[in-house]
C-alpha cells in the first residue's frame, strides 16, 4: 500500500531534483523511493560495498572492546 509523504526542502533543491527526474525519465517520488530502497538494501548487504572495500572487509583483527577498561587494556598491549 502506498502512502503520501511530505518533504520540506529548499526550492532550489526541489527544482534540481525535478530536472534530474525528468532527465532520468522518473518522477521525484520514484527517485526518493529508489533512494530509500537502496539505503535499506546497502545496510543489509556487503555486496553494496565497492569491490576493493568488500575484498578488504574482515582482514583486520577485531579487538573486543566493550568498555573503557577494555580500550585501555588494548592500548597498553598495543603500545607497551
N, C-alpha and C. Protein backbone atom coordinates (compact mmCIF):
# COMPACT_ATOMS: atom_id res chain seq x y z
N UNK A 1 0.83 -1.18 0.00
CA UNK A 1 0.00 0.00 0.00
C UNK A 1 0.88 1.24 0.00
N UNK A 2 0.56 2.18 -0.82
CA UNK A 2 1.32 3.42 -0.88
C UNK A 2 0.72 4.45 0.06
N UNK A 3 1.58 5.32 0.59
CA UNK A 3 1.14 6.41 1.46
C UNK A 3 1.82 7.69 1.02
N UNK A 4 1.26 8.79 1.36
CA UNK A 4 1.79 10.08 0.98
C UNK A 4 2.84 10.54 2.00
N UNK A 5 3.94 11.12 1.51
CA UNK A 5 4.99 11.66 2.37
C UNK A 5 5.25 13.09 1.94
N UNK A 6 5.25 14.01 2.88
CA UNK A 6 5.51 15.41 2.58
C UNK A 6 6.92 15.75 3.05
N UNK A 7 7.71 16.33 2.16
CA UNK A 7 9.07 16.75 2.49
C UNK A 7 9.17 18.27 2.36
N UNK A 8 9.89 18.88 3.25
CA UNK A 8 10.14 20.32 3.17
C UNK A 8 11.61 20.51 2.81
N UNK A 9 11.83 21.07 1.61
CA UNK A 9 13.18 21.26 1.10
C UNK A 9 13.30 22.66 0.51
N UNK A 10 14.53 23.10 0.33
CA UNK A 10 14.77 24.37 -0.33
C UNK A 10 14.24 24.30 -1.76
N UNK A 11 13.67 25.41 -2.24
CA UNK A 11 13.09 25.44 -3.59
C UNK A 11 14.11 25.07 -4.66
N UNK A 12 15.33 25.55 -4.50
CA UNK A 12 16.37 25.26 -5.49
C UNK A 12 16.66 23.76 -5.56
N UNK A 13 16.68 23.10 -4.42
CA UNK A 13 16.91 21.67 -4.37
C UNK A 13 15.76 20.91 -5.05
N UNK A 14 14.54 21.38 -4.82
CA UNK A 14 13.39 20.74 -5.45
C UNK A 14 13.48 20.88 -6.97
N UNK A 15 13.82 22.05 -7.45
CA UNK A 15 13.94 22.26 -8.90
C UNK A 15 15.04 21.39 -9.49
N UNK A 16 16.15 21.27 -8.79
CA UNK A 16 17.24 20.40 -9.27
C UNK A 16 16.78 18.95 -9.31
N UNK A 17 16.04 18.52 -8.29
CA UNK A 17 15.53 17.15 -8.25
C UNK A 17 14.57 16.90 -9.41
N UNK A 18 13.73 17.88 -9.72
CA UNK A 18 12.79 17.74 -10.84
C UNK A 18 13.54 17.61 -12.16
N UNK A 19 14.62 18.38 -12.32
CA UNK A 19 15.41 18.29 -13.55
C UNK A 19 16.07 16.92 -13.70
N UNK A 20 16.64 16.43 -12.61
CA UNK A 20 17.27 15.11 -12.63
C UNK A 20 16.23 14.04 -12.92
N UNK A 21 15.07 14.17 -12.31
CA UNK A 21 13.99 13.19 -12.53
C UNK A 21 13.56 13.19 -13.99
N UNK A 22 13.41 14.36 -14.55
CA UNK A 22 12.99 14.47 -15.95
C UNK A 22 14.02 13.84 -16.87
N UNK A 23 15.30 14.09 -16.62
CA UNK A 23 16.38 13.52 -17.45
C UNK A 23 16.41 12.00 -17.36
N UNK A 24 16.07 11.47 -16.17
CA UNK A 24 16.13 10.02 -15.98
C UNK A 24 14.82 9.33 -16.31
N UNK A 25 13.79 10.11 -16.65
CA UNK A 25 12.50 9.53 -17.00
C UNK A 25 11.74 8.99 -15.80
N UNK A 26 11.99 9.55 -14.65
CA UNK A 26 11.32 9.11 -13.42
C UNK A 26 10.64 10.31 -12.77
N UNK A 27 9.77 10.02 -11.84
CA UNK A 27 9.19 11.09 -11.01
C UNK A 27 10.11 11.31 -9.81
N UNK A 28 9.96 12.45 -9.19
CA UNK A 28 10.74 12.72 -7.97
C UNK A 28 10.36 11.69 -6.90
N UNK A 29 9.09 11.34 -6.83
CA UNK A 29 8.66 10.32 -5.86
C UNK A 29 9.37 9.00 -6.10
N UNK A 30 9.50 8.61 -7.37
CA UNK A 30 10.16 7.34 -7.67
C UNK A 30 11.65 7.41 -7.31
N UNK A 31 12.27 8.57 -7.55
CA UNK A 31 13.69 8.72 -7.19
C UNK A 31 13.87 8.60 -5.68
N UNK A 32 12.97 9.21 -4.90
CA UNK A 32 13.06 9.13 -3.44
C UNK A 32 12.83 7.69 -2.99
N UNK A 33 11.85 7.02 -3.58
CA UNK A 33 11.58 5.63 -3.22
C UNK A 33 12.78 4.75 -3.55
N UNK A 34 13.40 4.97 -4.72
CA UNK A 34 14.59 4.20 -5.10
C UNK A 34 15.72 4.44 -4.11
N UNK A 35 15.89 5.70 -3.68
CA UNK A 35 16.95 6.04 -2.73
C UNK A 35 16.72 5.35 -1.39
N UNK A 36 15.49 5.40 -0.89
CA UNK A 36 15.17 4.74 0.38
C UNK A 36 15.40 3.24 0.29
N UNK A 37 15.01 2.66 -0.84
CA UNK A 37 15.21 1.23 -1.04
C UNK A 37 16.70 0.89 -1.04
N UNK A 38 17.48 1.72 -1.71
CA UNK A 38 18.93 1.50 -1.76
C UNK A 38 19.54 1.61 -0.36
N UNK A 39 19.06 2.55 0.43
CA UNK A 39 19.57 2.70 1.80
C UNK A 39 19.33 1.45 2.61
N UNK A 40 18.14 0.90 2.53
CA UNK A 40 17.82 -0.28 3.33
C UNK A 40 18.56 -1.51 2.82
N UNK A 41 18.78 -1.61 1.53
CA UNK A 41 19.49 -2.76 0.98
C UNK A 41 20.97 -2.68 1.29
N UNK A 42 21.56 -1.48 1.22
CA UNK A 42 23.00 -1.36 1.43
C UNK A 42 23.37 -1.61 2.88
N UNK A 43 22.46 -1.33 3.81
CA UNK A 43 22.78 -1.59 5.21
C UNK A 43 22.71 -3.07 5.54
N UNK A 44 22.08 -3.86 4.68
CA UNK A 44 21.94 -5.29 4.91
C UNK A 44 22.88 -6.12 4.06
N UNK A 45 23.55 -5.51 3.10
CA UNK A 45 24.30 -6.29 2.13
C UNK A 45 25.75 -5.82 2.02
N UNK A 46 26.68 -6.77 2.10
CA UNK A 46 28.09 -6.46 1.91
C UNK A 46 28.36 -6.19 0.43
N UNK A 47 27.55 -6.76 -0.44
CA UNK A 47 27.73 -6.61 -1.87
C UNK A 47 27.57 -5.16 -2.32
N UNK A 48 26.94 -4.31 -1.49
CA UNK A 48 26.75 -2.91 -1.84
C UNK A 48 28.06 -2.14 -1.72
N UNK A 49 29.06 -2.71 -1.06
CA UNK A 49 30.35 -2.05 -0.93
C UNK A 49 31.11 -2.10 -2.25
N UNK A 50 31.96 -1.12 -2.50
CA UNK A 50 32.81 -1.19 -3.69
C UNK A 50 33.69 -2.45 -3.62
N UNK A 51 34.09 -2.99 -4.76
CA UNK A 51 34.84 -4.25 -4.77
C UNK A 51 36.09 -4.26 -3.89
N UNK A 52 36.85 -3.19 -3.91
CA UNK A 52 38.08 -3.14 -3.12
C UNK A 52 37.75 -3.17 -1.63
N UNK A 53 36.77 -2.38 -1.22
CA UNK A 53 36.37 -2.35 0.18
C UNK A 53 35.83 -3.70 0.61
N UNK A 54 35.02 -4.29 -0.24
CA UNK A 54 34.46 -5.60 0.07
C UNK A 54 35.56 -6.65 0.24
N UNK A 55 36.60 -6.58 -0.60
CA UNK A 55 37.70 -7.53 -0.52
C UNK A 55 38.50 -7.36 0.77
N UNK A 56 38.58 -6.13 1.29
CA UNK A 56 39.36 -5.85 2.49
C UNK A 56 38.56 -6.08 3.78
N UNK A 57 37.25 -6.14 3.66
CA UNK A 57 36.42 -6.29 4.86
C UNK A 57 36.78 -7.57 5.61
N UNK A 58 37.04 -7.42 6.90
CA UNK A 58 37.37 -8.56 7.74
C UNK A 58 38.84 -8.91 7.77
N UNK A 59 39.68 -8.18 7.04
CA UNK A 59 41.10 -8.52 7.01
C UNK A 59 41.86 -8.04 8.24
N UNK A 60 41.32 -7.08 8.96
CA UNK A 60 41.97 -6.60 10.18
C UNK A 60 41.49 -7.39 11.38
N UNK A 61 42.37 -7.65 12.33
CA UNK A 61 41.92 -8.37 13.52
C UNK A 61 40.94 -7.50 14.31
N UNK A 62 39.93 -8.11 14.83
CA UNK A 62 38.94 -7.36 15.60
C UNK A 62 39.29 -7.42 17.07
N UNK A 63 39.37 -6.26 17.66
CA UNK A 63 39.60 -6.18 19.10
C UNK A 63 38.24 -6.13 19.79
N UNK A 64 38.09 -6.89 20.83
CA UNK A 64 36.83 -6.88 21.56
C UNK A 64 36.90 -5.78 22.60
N UNK A 65 36.27 -4.67 22.30
CA UNK A 65 36.28 -3.51 23.19
C UNK A 65 34.84 -3.18 23.52
N UNK A 66 34.47 -3.44 24.76
CA UNK A 66 33.09 -3.19 25.16
C UNK A 66 32.95 -2.07 26.18
N UNK A 67 34.10 -1.64 26.76
CA UNK A 67 34.04 -0.54 27.72
C UNK A 67 35.40 0.14 27.78
N UNK A 68 35.53 1.16 28.62
CA UNK A 68 36.77 1.92 28.71
C UNK A 68 37.94 1.07 29.19
N UNK A 69 37.68 0.17 30.12
CA UNK A 69 38.75 -0.67 30.65
C UNK A 69 39.33 -1.56 29.54
N UNK A 70 38.46 -2.13 28.71
CA UNK A 70 38.93 -2.94 27.58
C UNK A 70 39.77 -2.11 26.62
N UNK A 71 39.34 -0.88 26.40
CA UNK A 71 40.06 0.01 25.48
C UNK A 71 41.44 0.34 26.03
N UNK A 72 41.52 0.65 27.31
CA UNK A 72 42.81 0.96 27.93
C UNK A 72 43.73 -0.26 27.88
N UNK A 73 43.19 -1.44 28.13
CA UNK A 73 43.98 -2.67 28.06
C UNK A 73 44.49 -2.90 26.64
N UNK A 74 43.63 -2.65 25.66
CA UNK A 74 44.02 -2.78 24.26
C UNK A 74 45.18 -1.84 23.93
N UNK A 75 45.08 -0.59 24.37
CA UNK A 75 46.13 0.38 24.09
C UNK A 75 47.44 0.00 24.78
N UNK A 76 47.36 -0.51 26.01
CA UNK A 76 48.56 -0.93 26.73
C UNK A 76 49.26 -2.07 25.98
N UNK A 77 48.49 -3.04 25.54
CA UNK A 77 49.09 -4.17 24.78
C UNK A 77 49.69 -3.67 23.47
N UNK A 78 49.02 -2.72 22.85
CA UNK A 78 49.46 -2.25 21.54
C UNK A 78 50.76 -1.44 21.65
N UNK A 79 50.87 -0.58 22.65
CA UNK A 79 51.99 0.34 22.72
C UNK A 79 53.07 0.00 23.74
N UNK A 80 52.90 -1.05 24.52
CA UNK A 80 53.93 -1.41 25.50
C UNK A 80 54.70 -2.63 25.06
